[in-house]
Amino acid sequence: MKRKSLQGNACPVARTLDLIGDWWSLLIIRDALDGIRRFNDFQKSLDIAKNMLSARLKGLVEQGILQALPAADGGAYKEYVLTERGKALQTVIVALSQWGGEFMYAPGEPGSVMVDAKDRQPIRKLALTAADGRVLAPEDVATRLGVEH
């Protein structure tokens, strides 16, 4: 069954999910944010089939999330490097990690946590804030249609 495209949808969430909404793409982006650059390293980290990884990397390159560059060491392999557009997804990955850490583990169950690379302390929980600095609850947020981007 062919997946319906959400590319022309008025909702930015739908458009984004059309681009990076499958778990493999998000996990590739997560690994790229952690410094993984080579096909074999992505494959080893994710335990993903080579054809699936190849298709996802190709799509992420086509969408401007990653760029394929010659290997920094002059080797024959390509390296996949996040573009600015790709790096901007870090907040999404952190939000998913924080939500998962809060709701997907049993009490005392070990897992990973994202930390500040400088002091190795967990990052402060992301919060939605209004333009005036107020912290917003879900009921404080609404969607407005017809806004130009």
N, C-alpha and C. Protein backbone atom coordinates (compact mmCIF):
# COMPACT_ATOMS: atom_id res chain seq x y z
N MET A 1 0.84 -1.16 0.00
CA MET A 1 0.00 0.00 0.00
C MET A 1 0.90 1.25 0.00
N LYS A 2 0.63 2.15 -0.90
CA LYS A 2 1.41 3.37 -0.99
C LYS A 2 0.98 4.35 0.09
N ARG A 3 1.98 4.96 0.72
CA ARG A 3 1.71 5.91 1.79
C ARG A 3 1.22 7.22 1.21
N LYS A 4 0.22 7.81 1.85
CA LYS A 4 -0.31 9.10 1.43
C LYS A 4 0.69 10.20 1.77
N SER A 5 0.95 11.09 0.84
CA SER A 5 1.85 12.21 1.10
C SER A 5 1.11 13.32 1.84
N LEU A 6 1.79 13.88 2.83
CA LEU A 6 1.25 14.99 3.60
C LEU A 6 1.97 16.29 3.24
N GLN A 7 2.73 16.27 2.15
CA GLN A 7 3.59 17.39 1.76
C GLN A 7 2.83 18.71 1.63
N GLY A 8 1.62 18.69 1.09
CA GLY A 8 0.87 19.92 0.88
C GLY A 8 -0.06 20.28 2.02
N ASN A 9 -0.01 19.54 3.11
CA ASN A 9 -0.90 19.77 4.23
C ASN A 9 -0.62 21.13 4.88
N ALA A 10 -1.67 21.78 5.39
CA ALA A 10 -1.51 23.09 6.02
C ALA A 10 -0.82 23.00 7.38
N CYS A 11 -0.77 21.82 7.97
CA CYS A 11 -0.18 21.63 9.30
C CYS A 11 1.31 21.33 9.21
N PRO A 12 2.17 22.13 9.88
CA PRO A 12 3.60 21.87 9.83
C PRO A 12 3.99 20.54 10.49
N VAL A 13 3.21 20.06 11.45
CA VAL A 13 3.49 18.75 12.05
C VAL A 13 3.32 17.67 11.00
N ALA A 14 2.23 17.72 10.24
CA ALA A 14 1.99 16.73 9.19
C ALA A 14 3.09 16.77 8.13
N ARG A 15 3.48 17.95 7.70
CA ARG A 15 4.54 18.07 6.70
C ARG A 15 5.86 17.50 7.21
N THR A 16 6.16 17.77 8.47
CA THR A 16 7.40 17.26 9.06
C THR A 16 7.37 15.75 9.15
N LEU A 17 6.25 15.20 9.60
CA LEU A 17 6.13 13.75 9.69
C LEU A 17 6.21 13.09 8.31
N ASP A 18 5.75 13.78 7.29
CA ASP A 18 5.87 13.26 5.92
C ASP A 18 7.35 13.10 5.56
N LEU A 19 8.17 13.98 6.07
CA LEU A 19 9.59 13.98 5.76
C LEU A 19 10.40 13.04 6.65
N ILE A 20 10.19 13.08 7.96
CA ILE A 20 11.04 12.33 8.89
C ILE A 20 10.23 11.49 9.87
N GLY A 21 9.02 11.13 9.54
CA GLY A 21 8.12 10.51 10.48
C GLY A 21 8.30 9.03 10.75
N ASP A 22 9.18 8.35 10.04
CA ASP A 22 9.38 6.94 10.36
C ASP A 22 10.50 6.82 11.39
N TRP A 23 10.46 5.76 12.18
CA TRP A 23 11.43 5.66 13.28
C TRP A 23 12.86 5.55 12.80
N TRP A 24 13.10 4.90 11.65
CA TRP A 24 14.49 4.77 11.18
C TRP A 24 15.10 6.14 10.89
N SER A 25 14.35 7.01 10.25
CA SER A 25 14.89 8.34 9.94
C SER A 25 15.24 9.10 11.21
N LEU A 26 14.36 9.05 12.20
CA LEU A 26 14.63 9.74 13.46
C LEU A 26 15.82 9.14 14.19
N LEU A 27 15.97 7.82 14.13
CA LEU A 27 17.12 7.18 14.78
C LEU A 27 18.42 7.49 14.05
N ILE A 28 18.36 7.60 12.73
CA ILE A 28 19.55 8.00 11.96
C ILE A 28 19.94 9.42 12.34
N ILE A 29 18.97 10.31 12.44
CA ILE A 29 19.24 11.69 12.84
C ILE A 29 19.81 11.72 14.25
N ARG A 30 19.24 10.94 15.16
CA ARG A 30 19.77 10.85 16.52
C ARG A 30 21.25 10.44 16.50
N ASP A 31 21.55 9.39 15.74
CA ASP A 31 22.94 8.91 15.66
C ASP A 31 23.85 9.94 15.01
N ALA A 32 23.37 10.63 13.99
CA ALA A 32 24.18 11.67 13.35
C ALA A 32 24.46 12.81 14.34
N LEU A 33 23.49 13.14 15.17
CA LEU A 33 23.71 14.16 16.21
C LEU A 33 24.75 13.68 17.22
N ASP A 34 24.87 12.37 17.40
CA ASP A 34 25.87 11.79 18.30
C ASP A 34 27.23 11.62 17.62
N GLY A 35 27.33 12.02 16.34
CA GLY A 35 28.62 11.99 15.68
C GLY A 35 28.85 10.85 14.71
N ILE A 36 27.88 9.98 14.53
CA ILE A 36 28.05 8.89 13.57
C ILE A 36 27.94 9.48 12.17
N ARG A 37 28.83 9.03 11.27
CA ARG A 37 28.88 9.59 9.92
C ARG A 37 28.93 8.54 8.82
N ARG A 38 29.36 7.36 9.12
CA ARG A 38 29.58 6.35 8.08
C ARG A 38 28.47 5.30 8.05
N PHE A 39 28.20 4.83 6.84
CA PHE A 39 27.15 3.85 6.61
C PHE A 39 27.29 2.67 7.57
N ASN A 40 28.48 2.06 7.62
CA ASN A 40 28.68 0.88 8.45
C ASN A 40 28.46 1.18 9.93
N ASP A 41 28.79 2.38 10.36
CA ASP A 41 28.58 2.74 11.76
C ASP A 41 27.10 2.92 12.07
N PHE A 42 26.35 3.52 11.13
CA PHE A 42 24.89 3.62 11.30
C PHE A 42 24.30 2.21 11.35
N GLN A 43 24.74 1.37 10.44
CA GLN A 43 24.20 0.01 10.34
C GLN A 43 24.47 -0.77 11.61
N LYS A 44 25.66 -0.64 12.14
CA LYS A 44 26.04 -1.35 13.38
C LYS A 44 25.24 -0.81 14.56
N SER A 45 25.12 0.51 14.67
CA SER A 45 24.41 1.13 15.78
C SER A 45 22.93 0.76 15.79
N LEU A 46 22.32 0.78 14.61
CA LEU A 46 20.87 0.59 14.50
C LEU A 46 20.44 -0.85 14.26
N ASP A 47 21.38 -1.70 13.84
CA ASP A 47 21.04 -3.08 13.47
C ASP A 47 19.91 -3.09 12.44
N ILE A 48 20.08 -2.27 11.42
CA ILE A 48 19.10 -2.08 10.36
C ILE A 48 19.60 -2.78 9.09
N ALA A 49 18.70 -3.30 8.30
CA ALA A 49 19.07 -3.93 7.03
C ALA A 49 19.74 -2.89 6.13
N LYS A 50 20.74 -3.32 5.39
CA LYS A 50 21.50 -2.39 4.55
C LYS A 50 20.62 -1.68 3.52
N ASN A 51 19.69 -2.41 2.90
CA ASN A 51 18.83 -1.78 1.90
C ASN A 51 17.92 -0.73 2.53
N MET A 52 17.45 -0.99 3.75
CA MET A 52 16.59 -0.03 4.46
C MET A 52 17.40 1.21 4.83
N LEU A 53 18.62 1.01 5.33
CA LEU A 53 19.48 2.13 5.70
C LEU A 53 19.83 2.95 4.47
N SER A 54 20.16 2.29 3.39
CA SER A 54 20.51 2.98 2.15
C SER A 54 19.36 3.86 1.68
N ALA A 55 18.15 3.32 1.72
CA ALA A 55 16.97 4.08 1.29
C ALA A 55 16.72 5.28 2.20
N ARG A 56 16.86 5.09 3.51
CA ARG A 56 16.63 6.19 4.44
C ARG A 56 17.70 7.28 4.30
N LEU A 57 18.97 6.88 4.17
CA LEU A 57 20.04 7.87 3.98
C LEU A 57 19.83 8.65 2.70
N LYS A 58 19.46 7.95 1.64
CA LYS A 58 19.21 8.61 0.35
C LYS A 58 18.10 9.65 0.50
N GLY A 59 17.01 9.27 1.16
CA GLY A 59 15.89 10.19 1.36
C GLY A 59 16.28 11.39 2.20
N LEU A 60 17.05 11.17 3.26
CA LEU A 60 17.46 12.27 4.13
C LEU A 60 18.40 13.22 3.39
N VAL A 61 19.22 12.68 2.49
CA VAL A 61 20.09 13.53 1.67
C VAL A 61 19.23 14.33 0.68
N GLU A 62 18.28 13.66 0.02
CA GLU A 62 17.41 14.34 -0.95
C GLU A 62 16.60 15.45 -0.30
N GLN A 63 16.23 15.27 0.95
CA GLN A 63 15.42 16.27 1.65
C GLN A 63 16.25 17.35 2.35
N GLY A 64 17.57 17.28 2.19
CA GLY A 64 18.43 18.31 2.76
C GLY A 64 18.66 18.20 4.26
N ILE A 65 18.43 17.03 4.83
CA ILE A 65 18.66 16.80 6.25
C ILE A 65 20.12 16.39 6.47
N LEU A 66 20.62 15.55 5.58
CA LEU A 66 22.02 15.11 5.59
C LEU A 66 22.65 15.49 4.27
N GLN A 67 23.97 15.57 4.27
CA GLN A 67 24.66 15.67 2.99
C GLN A 67 25.74 14.60 2.98
N ALA A 68 25.91 13.98 1.81
CA ALA A 68 26.91 12.93 1.63
C ALA A 68 28.18 13.59 1.13
N LEU A 69 29.26 13.40 1.88
CA LEU A 69 30.54 14.02 1.55
C LEU A 69 31.61 12.94 1.43
N PRO A 70 32.69 13.23 0.69
CA PRO A 70 33.80 12.28 0.69
C PRO A 70 34.33 12.12 2.11
N ALA A 71 34.83 10.93 2.42
CA ALA A 71 35.34 10.66 3.76
C ALA A 71 36.45 11.64 4.13
N ALA A 72 36.43 12.11 5.36
CA ALA A 72 37.41 13.08 5.84
C ALA A 72 38.83 12.52 5.81
N ASP A 73 38.94 11.18 5.94
CA ASP A 73 40.27 10.57 5.94
C ASP A 73 40.76 10.23 4.53
N GLY A 74 40.03 10.66 3.51
CA GLY A 74 40.42 10.40 2.13
C GLY A 74 40.06 9.01 1.65
N GLY A 75 39.37 8.23 2.47
CA GLY A 75 38.97 6.88 2.09
C GLY A 75 37.92 6.91 0.99
N ALA A 76 37.58 5.72 0.53
CA ALA A 76 36.63 5.58 -0.58
C ALA A 76 35.18 5.74 -0.14
N TYR A 77 34.94 5.76 1.15
CA TYR A 77 33.58 5.81 1.65
C TYR A 77 33.05 7.23 1.75
N LYS A 78 31.73 7.31 1.75
CA LYS A 78 31.07 8.60 1.98
C LYS A 78 30.83 8.77 3.47
N GLU A 79 30.71 10.03 3.88
CA GLU A 79 30.28 10.34 5.23
C GLU A 79 28.99 11.13 5.12
N TYR A 80 28.08 10.86 6.03
CA TYR A 80 26.79 11.54 6.06
C TYR A 80 26.82 12.55 7.20
N VAL A 81 26.72 13.83 6.83
CA VAL A 81 26.85 14.92 7.78
C VAL A 81 25.55 15.71 7.81
N LEU A 82 25.11 16.05 9.02
CA LEU A 82 23.90 16.85 9.15
C LEU A 82 24.10 18.24 8.55
N THR A 83 23.09 18.69 7.84
CA THR A 83 23.05 20.07 7.35
C THR A 83 22.50 20.94 8.48
N GLU A 84 22.42 22.24 8.26
CA GLU A 84 21.80 23.11 9.27
C GLU A 84 20.35 22.70 9.49
N ARG A 85 19.69 22.32 8.42
CA ARG A 85 18.30 21.86 8.52
C ARG A 85 18.22 20.61 9.40
N GLY A 86 19.18 19.72 9.23
CA GLY A 86 19.24 18.51 10.04
C GLY A 86 19.57 18.79 11.49
N LYS A 87 20.54 19.66 11.72
CA LYS A 87 20.93 20.02 13.09
C LYS A 87 19.77 20.64 13.85
N ALA A 88 18.90 21.35 13.14
CA ALA A 88 17.76 22.00 13.78
C ALA A 88 16.77 20.99 14.34
N LEU A 89 16.89 19.72 13.95
CA LEU A 89 16.01 18.68 14.49
C LEU A 89 16.45 18.21 15.88
N GLN A 90 17.56 18.72 16.38
CA GLN A 90 18.05 18.28 17.69
C GLN A 90 17.00 18.50 18.77
N THR A 91 16.30 19.60 18.73
CA THR A 91 15.28 19.88 19.75
C THR A 91 14.18 18.81 19.71
N VAL A 92 13.82 18.35 18.52
CA VAL A 92 12.81 17.30 18.38
C VAL A 92 13.32 16.01 19.02
N ILE A 93 14.57 15.66 18.76
CA ILE A 93 15.16 14.44 19.31
C ILE A 93 15.25 14.54 20.84
N VAL A 94 15.67 15.68 21.35
CA VAL A 94 15.74 15.88 22.80
C VAL A 94 14.34 15.76 23.42
N ALA A 95 13.35 16.37 22.79
CA ALA A 95 11.97 16.29 23.31
C ALA A 95 11.49 14.84 23.35
N LEU A 96 11.74 14.07 22.29
CA LEU A 96 11.35 12.66 22.28
C LEU A 96 12.08 11.88 23.36
N SER A 97 13.37 12.16 23.53
CA SER A 97 14.16 11.47 24.55
C SER A 97 13.63 11.78 25.95
N GLN A 98 13.34 13.04 26.20
CA GLN A 98 12.85 13.42 27.52
C GLN A 98 11.47 12.83 27.79
N TRP A 99 10.60 12.84 26.80
CA TRP A 99 9.27 12.25 26.98
C TRP A 99 9.41 10.74 27.24
N GLY A 100 10.24 10.07 26.42
CA GLY A 100 10.45 8.63 26.60
C GLY A 100 11.06 8.29 27.94
N GLY A 101 12.01 9.10 28.39
CA GLY A 101 12.61 8.86 29.70
C GLY A 101 11.61 8.98 30.83
N GLU A 102 10.65 9.87 30.67
CA GLU A 102 9.64 10.08 31.70
C GLU A 102 8.54 9.03 31.69
N PHE A 103 8.15 8.57 30.50
CA PHE A 103 6.95 7.73 30.40
C PHE A 103 7.17 6.30 29.90
N MET A 104 8.35 5.95 29.44
CA MET A 104 8.54 4.64 28.81
C MET A 104 9.37 3.66 29.64
N TYR A 105 9.71 4.02 30.86
CA TYR A 105 10.53 3.15 31.71
C TYR A 105 9.84 2.88 33.03
N ALA A 106 10.04 1.68 33.54
CA ALA A 106 9.55 1.34 34.87
C ALA A 106 10.44 2.02 35.90
N PRO A 107 9.92 2.29 37.10
CA PRO A 107 10.76 2.90 38.14
C PRO A 107 12.04 2.07 38.37
N GLY A 108 13.19 2.74 38.36
CA GLY A 108 14.47 2.08 38.58
C GLY A 108 15.07 1.41 37.37
N GLU A 109 14.33 1.37 36.27
CA GLU A 109 14.84 0.73 35.05
C GLU A 109 15.91 1.63 34.43
N PRO A 110 17.08 1.07 34.10
CA PRO A 110 18.13 1.90 33.51
C PRO A 110 17.83 2.27 32.06
N GLY A 111 18.32 3.41 31.65
CA GLY A 111 18.17 3.88 30.28
C GLY A 111 19.20 4.96 30.03
N SER A 112 19.06 5.65 28.94
CA SER A 112 19.99 6.73 28.64
C SER A 112 19.32 8.07 28.90
N VAL A 113 20.15 9.08 29.04
CA VAL A 113 19.65 10.44 29.23
C VAL A 113 20.60 11.37 28.46
N MET A 114 20.06 12.41 27.87
CA MET A 114 20.89 13.37 27.16
C MET A 114 21.48 14.35 28.16
N VAL A 115 22.79 14.59 28.00
CA VAL A 115 23.50 15.45 28.94
C VAL A 115 24.22 16.57 28.20
N ASP A 116 24.56 17.60 28.95
CA ASP A 116 25.38 18.70 28.46
C ASP A 116 26.79 18.13 28.25
N ALA A 117 27.34 18.25 27.05
CA ALA A 117 28.65 17.68 26.76
C ALA A 117 29.74 18.30 27.63
N LYS A 118 29.55 19.53 28.06
CA LYS A 118 30.57 20.23 28.85
C LYS A 118 30.64 19.70 30.28
N ASP A 119 29.49 19.67 30.97
CA ASP A 119 29.53 19.28 32.38
C ASP A 119 28.94 17.91 32.66
N ARG A 120 28.48 17.23 31.62
CA ARG A 120 27.94 15.86 31.69
C ARG A 120 26.70 15.74 32.58
N GLN A 121 26.00 16.85 32.81
CA GLN A 121 24.78 16.85 33.60
C GLN A 121 23.58 16.77 32.66
N PRO A 122 22.49 16.14 33.12
CA PRO A 122 21.29 16.06 32.27
C PRO A 122 20.82 17.45 31.83
N ILE A 123 20.31 17.52 30.62
CA ILE A 123 19.81 18.80 30.10
C ILE A 123 18.48 19.10 30.81
N ARG A 124 18.25 20.38 31.04
CA ARG A 124 16.99 20.81 31.64
C ARG A 124 15.84 20.37 30.73
N LYS A 125 14.74 19.96 31.35
CA LYS A 125 13.56 19.54 30.59
C LYS A 125 13.08 20.70 29.71
N LEU A 126 12.83 20.39 28.45
CA LEU A 126 12.33 21.40 27.53
C LEU A 126 10.95 21.87 28.00
N ALA A 127 10.69 23.13 27.78
CA ALA A 127 9.40 23.70 28.15
C ALA A 127 8.97 24.67 27.05
N LEU A 128 7.69 24.75 26.83
CA LEU A 128 7.16 25.72 25.88
C LEU A 128 7.00 27.05 26.60
N THR A 129 7.51 28.10 25.98
CA THR A 129 7.40 29.41 26.61
C THR A 129 6.78 30.40 25.63
N ALA A 130 5.98 31.30 26.18
CA ALA A 130 5.36 32.36 25.39
C ALA A 130 6.42 33.42 25.08
N ALA A 131 6.10 34.32 24.19
CA ALA A 131 7.02 35.40 23.83
C ALA A 131 7.41 36.23 25.05
N ASP A 132 6.52 36.30 26.04
CA ASP A 132 6.83 37.09 27.25
C ASP A 132 7.51 36.27 28.34
N GLY A 133 7.84 34.99 28.03
CA GLY A 133 8.58 34.16 28.98
C GLY A 133 7.74 33.23 29.84
N ARG A 134 6.41 33.36 29.78
CA ARG A 134 5.55 32.46 30.56
C ARG A 134 5.70 31.03 30.07
N VAL A 135 5.72 30.07 31.00
CA VAL A 135 5.70 28.66 30.63
C VAL A 135 4.27 28.30 30.26
N LEU A 136 4.11 27.65 29.11
CA LEU A 136 2.78 27.33 28.60
C LEU A 136 2.43 25.87 28.86
N ALA A 137 1.18 25.64 29.28
CA ALA A 137 0.62 24.30 29.42
C ALA A 137 -0.08 23.94 28.11
N PRO A 138 -0.39 22.66 27.90
CA PRO A 138 -1.07 22.30 26.64
C PRO A 138 -2.32 23.12 26.35
N GLU A 139 -3.10 23.43 27.37
CA GLU A 139 -4.33 24.21 27.14
C GLU A 139 -4.04 25.68 26.80
N ASP A 140 -2.81 26.11 26.95
CA ASP A 140 -2.43 27.48 26.62
C ASP A 140 -1.97 27.64 25.18
N VAL A 141 -1.92 26.55 24.43
CA VAL A 141 -1.41 26.58 23.06
C VAL A 141 -2.54 26.29 22.09
N ALA A 142 -2.64 27.08 21.04
CA ALA A 142 -3.66 26.89 20.00
C ALA A 142 -2.97 26.94 18.63
N THR A 143 -3.66 26.46 17.62
CA THR A 143 -3.15 26.50 16.25
C THR A 143 -3.90 27.59 15.50
N ARG A 144 -3.16 28.38 14.75
CA ARG A 144 -3.75 29.45 13.95
C ARG A 144 -3.45 29.16 12.49
N LEU A 145 -4.47 29.07 11.68
CA LEU A 145 -4.32 28.79 10.25
C LEU A 145 -4.09 30.09 9.48
N GLY A 146 -3.53 29.96 8.29
CA GLY A 146 -3.38 31.08 7.37
C GLY A 146 -2.19 31.98 7.65
N VAL A 147 -1.25 31.50 8.45
CA VAL A 147 -0.07 32.30 8.78
C VAL A 147 1.03 31.99 7.77
N GLU A 148 1.61 33.04 7.20
CA GLU A 148 2.71 32.84 6.24
C GLU A 148 3.98 32.51 6.99
N HIS A 149 4.78 31.62 6.39
CA HIS A 149 6.05 31.20 7.03
C HIS A 149 7.21 31.84 6.33
